[in-house]
Amino acid sequence: MEIAGKKAVVVGGASGMGRATAEALARAGAHVAVLDREGSEGKDVATAISGVFHPVDITDFDAAEQSLSAAVADLGGLHIAVNTAGGGKVQKTLGRNGPHDLEMFRQVVDLNLVGTFNLNRLQAMHISANDPVDDERGVIVNTSSLAAFEGQIGQVAYAAAKAGIAGTALVMARDLGPLGIRVVAIAPSLFSTGATAAFTDEQVAPLVKDAAFPKRMGRPDEYAKLALAIVDNPMLNGQCIRLDAGQRFAPR
C-alpha cells in the first residue's frame, strides 16, 4: 500500500517504537493520529509531525472505542493501524509467596491481548469503509514479543498475552482477507525504549549475548522500518515476524 496520503493511527505513539513509527509514517506522507495516555508526550509528538493526538487507556474498552472513533473522524478515514501499547509484570506460576496472582494475570492479558484485539476489531471496521486500491483497503500491524515464543521465568502472563497476538495474526488475516485488509504482528526482542533507558552497557551485555548480530538492543527506528515495509508490501500478511537479530531468549 502506498503510504503517502493515507490515514494512520499509532496506538502507543508517544514514545519508543510507537513514536518512531508515527514519525516515519508522517515523513512518508501519511496523516497520523497519535493515541496514548493522557499526560504522555503524545500531544507533543503529534504537533511535531502535524498530526492529531487523542488520549486513550486501552484497558478502558468503551473509552478506547470512543478515542479511536474521534481520531478517525479527525483524520477523515483510516488505512493504517499500528498498535504498540502494552507492558508486563513478572511473577512465577508458583513462587515463595504462593501461586501467581490471578488478577495480575488478567490485567496483563487485558492490557496486551484484549486491549489490542478490541482496537483491531474497531480498526477493521473503519478500514472496511475504504474504497479498495488494487483490492486492498488497509493494514493492521500489532506488536507481539519474543516472549511469545521463549518467555523467560516469571513472564507467564506476558508470554500468554503476546503469544495470543502472534496467534491471532493469521486468523484475523483470514477473517479480513475478503475485505482487503491485512494483519501482521511484529515480535521484537529487547529494544531501547523508555522501559530500558536506565540500563547500563554492563546490564545490557548479558541480555543480548545470545543474539547472532548485532549484539545490542534494537532501536525504535528499526521497528518503524519494518512496520512501514509491512504497509508497503502487500504480500506480507497473516504472520508474526521476529525482529530479534537472531536472538533466542534464555530462561533468565
C-alpha atoms as a PDB file:
ATOM      1  CA  MET A   1       0.000   0.000   0.000  1.00  0.00           C
ATOM      2  CA  GLU A   2       1.291   3.426  -0.937  1.00  0.00           C
ATOM      3  CA  ILE A   3       1.777   5.334   2.327  1.00  0.00           C
ATOM      4  CA  ALA A   4       1.655   8.910   1.025  1.00  0.00           C
ATOM      5  CA  GLY A   5      -1.748  10.449   1.555  1.00  0.00           C
ATOM      6  CA  LYS A   6      -3.043   7.613   3.738  1.00  0.00           C
ATOM      7  CA  LYS A   7      -4.625   7.982   7.176  1.00  0.00           C
ATOM      8  CA  ALA A   8      -2.846   6.219  10.045  1.00  0.00           C
ATOM      9  CA  VAL A   9      -3.327   5.728  13.779  1.00  0.00           C
ATOM     10  CA  VAL A  10      -0.466   4.709  16.054  1.00  0.00           C
ATOM     11  CA  VAL A  11      -1.592   3.464  19.451  1.00  0.00           C
ATOM     12  CA  GLY A  12       1.236   3.910  21.922  1.00  0.00           C
ATOM     13  CA  GLY A  13       2.693   6.587  19.683  1.00  0.00           C
ATOM     14  CA  ALA A  14       4.009   8.858  22.433  1.00  0.00           C
ATOM     15  CA  SER A  15       7.279   7.020  22.927  1.00  0.00           C
ATOM     16  CA  GLY A  16       9.590   4.236  21.852  1.00  0.00           C
ATOM     17  CA  MET A  17       8.665   2.097  18.874  1.00  0.00           C
ATOM     18  CA  GLY A  18       5.274   3.752  18.509  1.00  0.00           C
ATOM     19  CA  ARG A  19       6.741   7.234  18.376  1.00  0.00           C
ATOM     20  CA  ALA A  20       9.364   6.192  15.827  1.00  0.00           C
ATOM     21  CA  THR A  21       6.630   4.650  13.674  1.00  0.00           C
ATOM     22  CA  ALA A  22       4.384   7.716  13.879  1.00  0.00           C
ATOM     23  CA  GLU A  23       7.300   9.917  12.831  1.00  0.00           C
ATOM     24  CA  ALA A  24       8.289   7.581   9.994  1.00  0.00           C
ATOM     25  CA  LEU A  25       4.731   7.393   8.667  1.00  0.00           C
ATOM     26  CA  ALA A  26       4.497  11.185   8.701  1.00  0.00           C
ATOM     27  CA  ARG A  27       7.807  11.500   6.838  1.00  0.00           C
ATOM     28  CA  ALA A  28       6.434   9.083   4.250  1.00  0.00           C
ATOM     29  CA  GLY A  29       3.444  11.358   3.696  1.00  0.00           C
ATOM     30  CA  ALA A  30       0.752   9.793   5.888  1.00  0.00           C
ATOM     31  CA  HIS A  31      -1.659  11.800   8.026  1.00  0.00           C
ATOM     32  CA  VAL A  32      -1.132  10.437  11.536  1.00  0.00           C
ATOM     33  CA  ALA A  33      -3.129  10.308  14.750  1.00  0.00           C
ATOM     34  CA  VAL A  34      -1.180   9.514  17.910  1.00  0.00           C
ATOM     35  CA  LEU A  35      -3.108   7.715  20.639  1.00  0.00           C
ATOM     36  CA  ASP A  36      -1.564   7.320  24.075  1.00  0.00           C
ATOM     37  CA  ARG A  37      -2.194   8.000  27.720  1.00  0.00           C
ATOM     38  CA  GLU A  38      -3.187  11.423  28.973  1.00  0.00           C
ATOM     39  CA  GLY A  39      -0.080  13.076  30.373  1.00  0.00           C
ATOM     40  CA  SER A  40       2.246  11.330  27.933  1.00  0.00           C
ATOM     41  CA  GLU A  41       4.273  13.150  25.296  1.00  0.00           C
ATOM     42  CA  GLY A  42       1.716  12.170  22.680  1.00  0.00           C
ATOM     43  CA  LYS A  43       0.445  15.699  22.113  1.00  0.00           C
ATOM     44  CA  ASP A  44       3.978  17.000  21.507  1.00  0.00           C
ATOM     45  CA  VAL A  45       4.740  14.126  19.136  1.00  0.00           C
ATOM     46  CA  ALA A  46       1.534  14.781  17.192  1.00  0.00           C
ATOM     47  CA  THR A  47       2.239  18.508  16.956  1.00  0.00           C
ATOM     48  CA  ALA A  48       5.775  17.868  15.691  1.00  0.00           C
ATOM     49  CA  ILE A  49       4.506  15.685  12.831  1.00  0.00           C
ATOM     50  CA  SER A  50       1.473  17.884  12.049  1.00  0.00           C
ATOM     51  CA  GLY A  51      -0.809  15.150  13.313  1.00  0.00           C
ATOM     52  CA  VAL A  52      -3.531  14.869  15.924  1.00  0.00           C
ATOM     53  CA  PHE A  53      -3.481  13.455  19.454  1.00  0.00           C
ATOM     54  CA  HIS A  54      -6.197  11.621  21.323  1.00  0.00           C
ATOM     55  CA  PRO A  55      -5.729  10.317  24.866  1.00  0.00           C
ATOM     56  CA  VAL A  56      -6.517   6.643  25.416  1.00  0.00           C
ATOM     57  CA  ASP A  57      -6.367   3.968  28.087  1.00  0.00           C
ATOM     58  CA  ILE A  58      -6.627   0.775  26.069  1.00  0.00           C
ATOM     59  CA  THR A  59      -7.827  -1.186  29.110  1.00  0.00           C
ATOM     60  CA  ASP A  60     -10.922   1.042  29.261  1.00  0.00           C
ATOM     61  CA  PHE A  61     -12.508  -0.678  26.302  1.00  0.00           C
ATOM     62  CA  ASP A  62     -15.502   1.616  25.809  1.00  0.00           C
ATOM     63  CA  ALA A  63     -13.401   4.764  26.134  1.00  0.00           C
ATOM     64  CA  ALA A  64     -10.832   3.306  23.723  1.00  0.00           C
ATOM     65  CA  GLU A  65     -13.571   2.851  21.145  1.00  0.00           C
ATOM     66  CA  GLN A  66     -14.591   6.483  21.544  1.00  0.00           C
ATOM     67  CA  SER A  67     -10.999   7.697  21.307  1.00  0.00           C
ATOM     68  CA  LEU A  68     -10.353   5.705  18.145  1.00  0.00           C
ATOM     69  CA  SER A  69     -13.572   6.926  16.546  1.00  0.00           C
ATOM     70  CA  ALA A  70     -12.644  10.531  17.335  1.00  0.00           C
ATOM     71  CA  ALA A  71      -9.183  10.058  15.841  1.00  0.00           C
ATOM     72  CA  VAL A  72     -10.602   8.529  12.661  1.00  0.00           C
ATOM     73  CA  ALA A  73     -13.097  11.380  12.399  1.00  0.00           C
ATOM     74  CA  ASP A  74     -10.254  13.909  12.692  1.00  0.00           C
ATOM     75  CA  LEU A  75      -8.250  12.085  10.024  1.00  0.00           C
ATOM     76  CA  GLY A  76     -11.225  11.617   7.735  1.00  0.00           C
ATOM     77  CA  GLY A  77     -10.712   7.865   7.466  1.00  0.00           C
ATOM     78  CA  LEU A  78      -8.309   5.059   8.327  1.00  0.00           C
ATOM     79  CA  HIS A  79      -5.967   2.937   6.211  1.00  0.00           C
ATOM     80  CA  ILE A  80      -3.096   2.023   8.553  1.00  0.00           C
ATOM     81  CA  ALA A  81      -3.268   0.998  12.207  1.00  0.00           C
ATOM     82  CA  VAL A  82      -0.137   0.297  14.248  1.00  0.00           C
ATOM     83  CA  ASN A  83      -0.575  -0.932  17.821  1.00  0.00           C
ATOM     84  CA  THR A  84       2.414  -0.827  20.181  1.00  0.00           C
ATOM     85  CA  ALA A  85       0.820  -0.145  23.591  1.00  0.00           C
ATOM     86  CA  GLY A  86       1.431  -2.819  26.223  1.00  0.00           C
ATOM     87  CA  GLY A  87       3.560  -3.901  29.133  1.00  0.00           C
ATOM     88  CA  GLY A  88       4.118  -6.685  31.614  1.00  0.00           C
ATOM     89  CA  LYS A  89       4.685  -7.724  35.205  1.00  0.00           C
ATOM     90  CA  VAL A  90       6.871 -10.541  36.473  1.00  0.00           C
ATOM     91  CA  GLN A  91       5.582 -13.318  38.712  1.00  0.00           C
ATOM     92  CA  LYS A  92       6.151 -17.072  38.716  1.00  0.00           C
ATOM     93  CA  THR A  93       3.324 -19.550  38.304  1.00  0.00           C
ATOM     94  CA  LEU A  94       4.192 -20.704  41.796  1.00  0.00           C
ATOM     95  CA  GLY A  95       6.586 -18.685  43.918  1.00  0.00           C
ATOM     96  CA  ARG A  96       7.685 -18.294  47.516  1.00  0.00           C
ATOM     97  CA  ASN A  97       4.538 -16.338  48.320  1.00  0.00           C
ATOM     98  CA  GLY A  98       2.202 -18.817  46.701  1.00  0.00           C
ATOM     99  CA  PRO A  99       0.529 -19.188  43.301  1.00  0.00           C
ATOM    100  CA  HIS A 100       0.505 -16.465  40.645  1.00  0.00           C
ATOM    101  CA  ASP A 101      -1.959 -13.704  41.439  1.00  0.00           C
ATOM    102  CA  LEU A 102      -4.919 -14.290  39.137  1.00  0.00           C
ATOM    103  CA  GLU A 103      -5.943 -10.643  38.980  1.00  0.00           C
ATOM    104  CA  MET A 104      -2.441  -9.665  37.864  1.00  0.00           C
ATOM    105  CA  PHE A 105      -2.594 -12.300  35.123  1.00  0.00           C
ATOM    106  CA  ARG A 106      -5.904 -10.891  33.924  1.00  0.00           C
ATOM    107  CA  GLN A 107      -4.560  -7.336  33.983  1.00  0.00           C
ATOM    108  CA  VAL A 108      -1.570  -8.246  31.815  1.00  0.00           C
ATOM    109  CA  VAL A 109      -3.747 -10.151  29.355  1.00  0.00           C
ATOM    110  CA  ASP A 110      -6.278  -7.305  29.241  1.00  0.00           C
ATOM    111  CA  LEU A 111      -3.572  -4.732  28.590  1.00  0.00           C
ATOM    112  CA  ASN A 112      -1.705  -6.614  25.901  1.00  0.00           C
ATOM    113  CA  LEU A 113      -4.135  -9.017  24.247  1.00  0.00           C
ATOM    114  CA  VAL A 114      -7.715  -7.958  24.923  1.00  0.00           C
ATOM    115  CA  GLY A 115      -6.863  -4.268  24.577  1.00  0.00           C
ATOM    116  CA  THR A 116      -5.150  -4.912  21.252  1.00  0.00           C
ATOM    117  CA  PHE A 117      -7.955  -7.088  19.893  1.00  0.00           C
ATOM    118  CA  ASN A 118     -10.563  -4.551  20.958  1.00  0.00           C
ATOM    119  CA  LEU A 119      -8.742  -1.960  18.872  1.00  0.00           C
ATOM    120  CA  ASN A 120      -8.221  -4.403  15.984  1.00  0.00           C
ATOM    121  CA  ARG A 121     -11.913  -5.196  15.589  1.00  0.00           C
ATOM    122  CA  LEU A 122     -12.760  -1.484  15.600  1.00  0.00           C
ATOM    123  CA  GLN A 123      -9.874  -0.536  13.321  1.00  0.00           C
ATOM    124  CA  ALA A 124     -11.009  -3.190  10.854  1.00  0.00           C
ATOM    125  CA  MET A 125     -14.500  -1.715  10.871  1.00  0.00           C
ATOM    126  CA  HIS A 126     -13.181   1.749   9.996  1.00  0.00           C
ATOM    127  CA  ILE A 127     -10.765   0.424   7.359  1.00  0.00           C
ATOM    128  CA  SER A 128     -13.519  -1.614   5.705  1.00  0.00           C
ATOM    129  CA  ALA A 129     -15.250   1.630   4.693  1.00  0.00           C
ATOM    130  CA  ASN A 130     -12.433   2.498   2.261  1.00  0.00           C
ATOM    131  CA  ASP A 131     -12.642   2.096  -1.476  1.00  0.00           C
ATOM    132  CA  PRO A 132     -10.108  -0.616  -2.384  1.00  0.00           C
ATOM    133  CA  VAL A 133      -6.941   0.192  -4.296  1.00  0.00           C
ATOM    134  CA  ASP A 134      -5.556  -2.896  -6.050  1.00  0.00           C
ATOM    135  CA  ASP A 135      -8.147  -4.784  -3.978  1.00  0.00           C
ATOM    136  CA  GLU A 136      -6.572  -3.529  -0.723  1.00  0.00           C
ATOM    137  CA  ARG A 137      -8.310  -1.383   1.884  1.00  0.00           C
ATOM    138  CA  GLY A 138      -5.757  -1.244   4.676  1.00  0.00           C
ATOM    139  CA  VAL A 139      -3.274  -2.806   7.076  1.00  0.00           C
ATOM    140  CA  ILE A 140      -3.170  -3.595  10.799  1.00  0.00           C
ATOM    141  CA  VAL A 141       0.223  -4.028  12.482  1.00  0.00           C
ATOM    142  CA  ASN A 142       0.319  -5.426  16.024  1.00  0.00           C
ATOM    143  CA  THR A 143       3.179  -5.838  18.481  1.00  0.00           C
ATOM    144  CA  SER A 144       3.970  -9.245  19.941  1.00  0.00           C
ATOM    145  CA  SER A 145       7.307 -10.155  21.592  1.00  0.00           C
ATOM    146  CA  LEU A 146       9.958 -12.848  21.611  1.00  0.00           C
ATOM    147  CA  ALA A 147       8.360 -13.745  24.934  1.00  0.00           C
ATOM    148  CA  ALA A 148       5.548 -15.238  22.855  1.00  0.00           C
ATOM    149  CA  PHE A 149       7.979 -17.978  21.802  1.00  0.00           C
ATOM    150  CA  GLU A 150      10.669 -18.057  24.517  1.00  0.00           C
ATOM    151  CA  GLY A 151       9.139 -16.439  27.563  1.00  0.00           C
ATOM    152  CA  GLN A 152      11.513 -16.078  30.475  1.00  0.00           C
ATOM    153  CA  ILE A 153      10.955 -17.204  34.054  1.00  0.00           C
ATOM    154  CA  GLY A 154       8.211 -15.102  35.601  1.00  0.00           C
ATOM    155  CA  GLN A 155       6.779 -13.967  32.252  1.00  0.00           C
ATOM    156  CA  VAL A 156       3.897 -16.413  32.122  1.00  0.00           C
ATOM    157  CA  ALA A 157       1.196 -13.723  31.881  1.00  0.00           C
ATOM    158  CA  TYR A 158       3.117 -11.568  29.402  1.00  0.00           C
ATOM    159  CA  ALA A 159       4.074 -14.592  27.297  1.00  0.00           C
ATOM    160  CA  ALA A 160       0.465 -15.748  27.167  1.00  0.00           C
ATOM    161  CA  ALA A 161      -0.734 -12.334  26.047  1.00  0.00           C
ATOM    162  CA  LYS A 162       1.969 -11.837  23.422  1.00  0.00           C
ATOM    163  CA  ALA A 163       1.505 -15.398  22.140  1.00  0.00           C
ATOM    164  CA  GLY A 164      -2.141 -14.500  21.681  1.00  0.00           C
ATOM    165  CA  ILE A 165      -1.180 -11.555  19.491  1.00  0.00           C
ATOM    166  CA  ALA A 166       1.120 -13.764  17.420  1.00  0.00           C
ATOM    167  CA  GLY A 167      -1.526 -16.470  17.153  1.00  0.00           C
ATOM    168  CA  THR A 168      -4.352 -14.211  16.050  1.00  0.00           C
ATOM    169  CA  ALA A 169      -2.407 -12.675  13.133  1.00  0.00           C
ATOM    170  CA  LEU A 170      -3.224 -15.453  10.659  1.00  0.00           C
ATOM    171  CA  VAL A 171      -6.804 -15.906  11.852  1.00  0.00           C
ATOM    172  CA  MET A 172      -7.597 -12.204  11.587  1.00  0.00           C
ATOM    173  CA  ALA A 173      -5.884 -12.049   8.212  1.00  0.00           C
ATOM    174  CA  ARG A 174      -8.166 -14.853   7.059  1.00  0.00           C
ATOM    175  CA  ASP A 175     -11.209 -13.179   8.599  1.00  0.00           C
ATOM    176  CA  LEU A 176     -10.418  -9.830   6.976  1.00  0.00           C
ATOM    177  CA  GLY A 177      -8.868 -11.018   3.703  1.00  0.00           C
ATOM    178  CA  PRO A 178     -12.169 -10.850   1.791  1.00  0.00           C
ATOM    179  CA  LEU A 179     -12.326  -7.162   2.762  1.00  0.00           C
ATOM    180  CA  GLY A 180      -8.802  -6.468   1.505  1.00  0.00           C
ATOM    181  CA  ILE A 181      -7.381  -5.886   5.000  1.00  0.00           C
ATOM    182  CA  ARG A 182      -4.017  -7.376   6.011  1.00  0.00           C
ATOM    183  CA  VAL A 183      -2.874  -8.213   9.555  1.00  0.00           C
ATOM    184  CA  VAL A 184       0.767  -8.710  10.575  1.00  0.00           C
ATOM    185  CA  ALA A 185       2.405  -8.873  14.008  1.00  0.00           C
ATOM    186  CA  ILE A 186       5.982  -7.893  14.862  1.00  0.00           C
ATOM    187  CA  ALA A 187       7.808  -9.711  17.676  1.00  0.00           C
ATOM    188  CA  PRO A 188      10.692  -7.514  18.881  1.00  0.00           C
ATOM    189  CA  SER A 189      13.496  -8.652  21.127  1.00  0.00           C
ATOM    190  CA  LEU A 190      14.841  -6.261  23.757  1.00  0.00           C
ATOM    191  CA  PHE A 191      14.576  -2.729  22.368  1.00  0.00           C
ATOM    192  CA  SER A 192      15.920   0.585  23.591  1.00  0.00           C
ATOM    193  CA  THR A 193      12.773   2.336  24.838  1.00  0.00           C
ATOM    194  CA  GLY A 194      11.695   4.240  27.913  1.00  0.00           C
ATOM    195  CA  ALA A 195      11.482   0.998  29.865  1.00  0.00           C
ATOM    196  CA  THR A 196      15.162   0.254  29.247  1.00  0.00           C
ATOM    197  CA  ALA A 197      16.538   3.802  29.197  1.00  0.00           C
ATOM    198  CA  ALA A 198      18.268   3.420  32.549  1.00  0.00           C
ATOM    199  CA  PHE A 199      20.109   0.217  31.593  1.00  0.00           C
ATOM    200  CA  THR A 200      23.900   0.483  31.561  1.00  0.00           C
ATOM    201  CA  ASP A 201      26.096  -1.206  28.966  1.00  0.00           C
ATOM    202  CA  GLU A 202      27.067  -3.722  31.632  1.00  0.00           C
ATOM    203  CA  GLN A 203      23.417  -4.568  32.231  1.00  0.00           C
ATOM    204  CA  VAL A 204      22.595  -4.846  28.535  1.00  0.00           C
ATOM    205  CA  ALA A 205      25.520  -7.094  27.549  1.00  0.00           C
ATOM    206  CA  PRO A 206      24.259 -10.332  29.167  1.00  0.00           C
ATOM    207  CA  LEU A 207      20.744  -9.690  27.870  1.00  0.00           C
ATOM    208  CA  VAL A 208      21.853  -9.603  24.221  1.00  0.00           C
ATOM    209  CA  LYS A 209      24.778 -12.045  24.319  1.00  0.00           C
ATOM    210  CA  ASP A 210      22.741 -14.758  22.563  1.00  0.00           C
ATOM    211  CA  ALA A 211      21.954 -12.582  19.538  1.00  0.00           C
ATOM    212  CA  ALA A 212      23.684 -13.570  16.305  1.00  0.00           C
ATOM    213  CA  PHE A 213      24.274  -9.982  15.141  1.00  0.00           C
ATOM    214  CA  PRO A 214      24.138  -7.213  16.160  1.00  0.00           C
ATOM    215  CA  LYS A 215      24.684  -7.874  19.850  1.00  0.00           C
ATOM    216  CA  ARG A 216      22.811  -4.854  21.123  1.00  0.00           C
ATOM    217  CA  MET A 217      19.299  -3.717  21.896  1.00  0.00           C
ATOM    218  CA  GLY A 218      17.096  -2.892  18.950  1.00  0.00           C
ATOM    219  CA  ARG A 219      16.434   0.738  18.085  1.00  0.00           C
ATOM    220  CA  PRO A 220      12.919   2.162  17.775  1.00  0.00           C
ATOM    221  CA  ASP A 221      13.557   3.271  14.189  1.00  0.00           C
ATOM    222  CA  GLU A 222      14.314  -0.358  13.283  1.00  0.00           C
ATOM    223  CA  TYR A 223      10.823  -1.334  14.398  1.00  0.00           C
ATOM    224  CA  ALA A 224       9.431   1.594  12.398  1.00  0.00           C
ATOM    225  CA  LYS A 225      11.291   0.487   9.268  1.00  0.00           C
ATOM    226  CA  LEU A 226       9.703  -2.953   9.481  1.00  0.00           C
ATOM    227  CA  ALA A 227       6.247  -1.522  10.152  1.00  0.00           C
ATOM    228  CA  LEU A 228       6.490   0.655   7.042  1.00  0.00           C
ATOM    229  CA  ALA A 229       7.821  -2.265   4.984  1.00  0.00           C
ATOM    230  CA  ILE A 230       4.771  -4.277   6.041  1.00  0.00           C
ATOM    231  CA  VAL A 231       2.461  -1.488   4.938  1.00  0.00           C
ATOM    232  CA  ASP A 232       4.305  -1.165   1.637  1.00  0.00           C
ATOM    233  CA  ASN A 233       4.414  -4.861   0.687  1.00  0.00           C
ATOM    234  CA  PRO A 234       1.010  -6.472   0.012  1.00  0.00           C
ATOM    235  CA  MET A 235       2.427  -9.999   0.220  1.00  0.00           C
ATOM    236  CA  LEU A 236       3.233  -9.597   3.910  1.00  0.00           C
ATOM    237  CA  ASN A 237       0.171 -10.923   5.685  1.00  0.00           C
ATOM    238  CA  GLY A 238      -1.064 -13.331   8.346  1.00  0.00           C
ATOM    239  CA  GLN A 239       2.182 -13.859  10.225  1.00  0.00           C
ATOM    240  CA  CYS A 240       4.301 -12.778  13.170  1.00  0.00           C
ATOM    241  CA  ILE A 241       7.731 -11.513  12.129  1.00  0.00           C
ATOM    242  CA  ARG A 242      10.599 -11.785  14.618  1.00  0.00           C
ATOM    243  CA  LEU A 243      12.690  -8.629  14.863  1.00  0.00           C
ATOM    244  CA  ASP A 244      15.465 -10.002  17.023  1.00  0.00           C
ATOM    245  CA  ALA A 245      18.978 -10.056  15.493  1.00  0.00           C
ATOM    246  CA  GLY A 246      18.812 -13.843  15.595  1.00  0.00           C
ATOM    247  CA  GLN A 247      18.335 -13.896  19.356  1.00  0.00           C
ATOM    248  CA  ARG A 248      16.618 -16.593  21.408  1.00  0.00           C
ATOM    249  CA  PHE A 249      15.694 -15.632  24.948  1.00  0.00           C
ATOM    250  CA  ALA A 250      17.280 -17.724  27.691  1.00  0.00           C
ATOM    251  CA  PRO A 251      15.207 -18.809  30.712  1.00  0.00           C
ATOM    252  CA  ARG A 252      16.529 -15.805  32.660  1.00  0.00           C
END
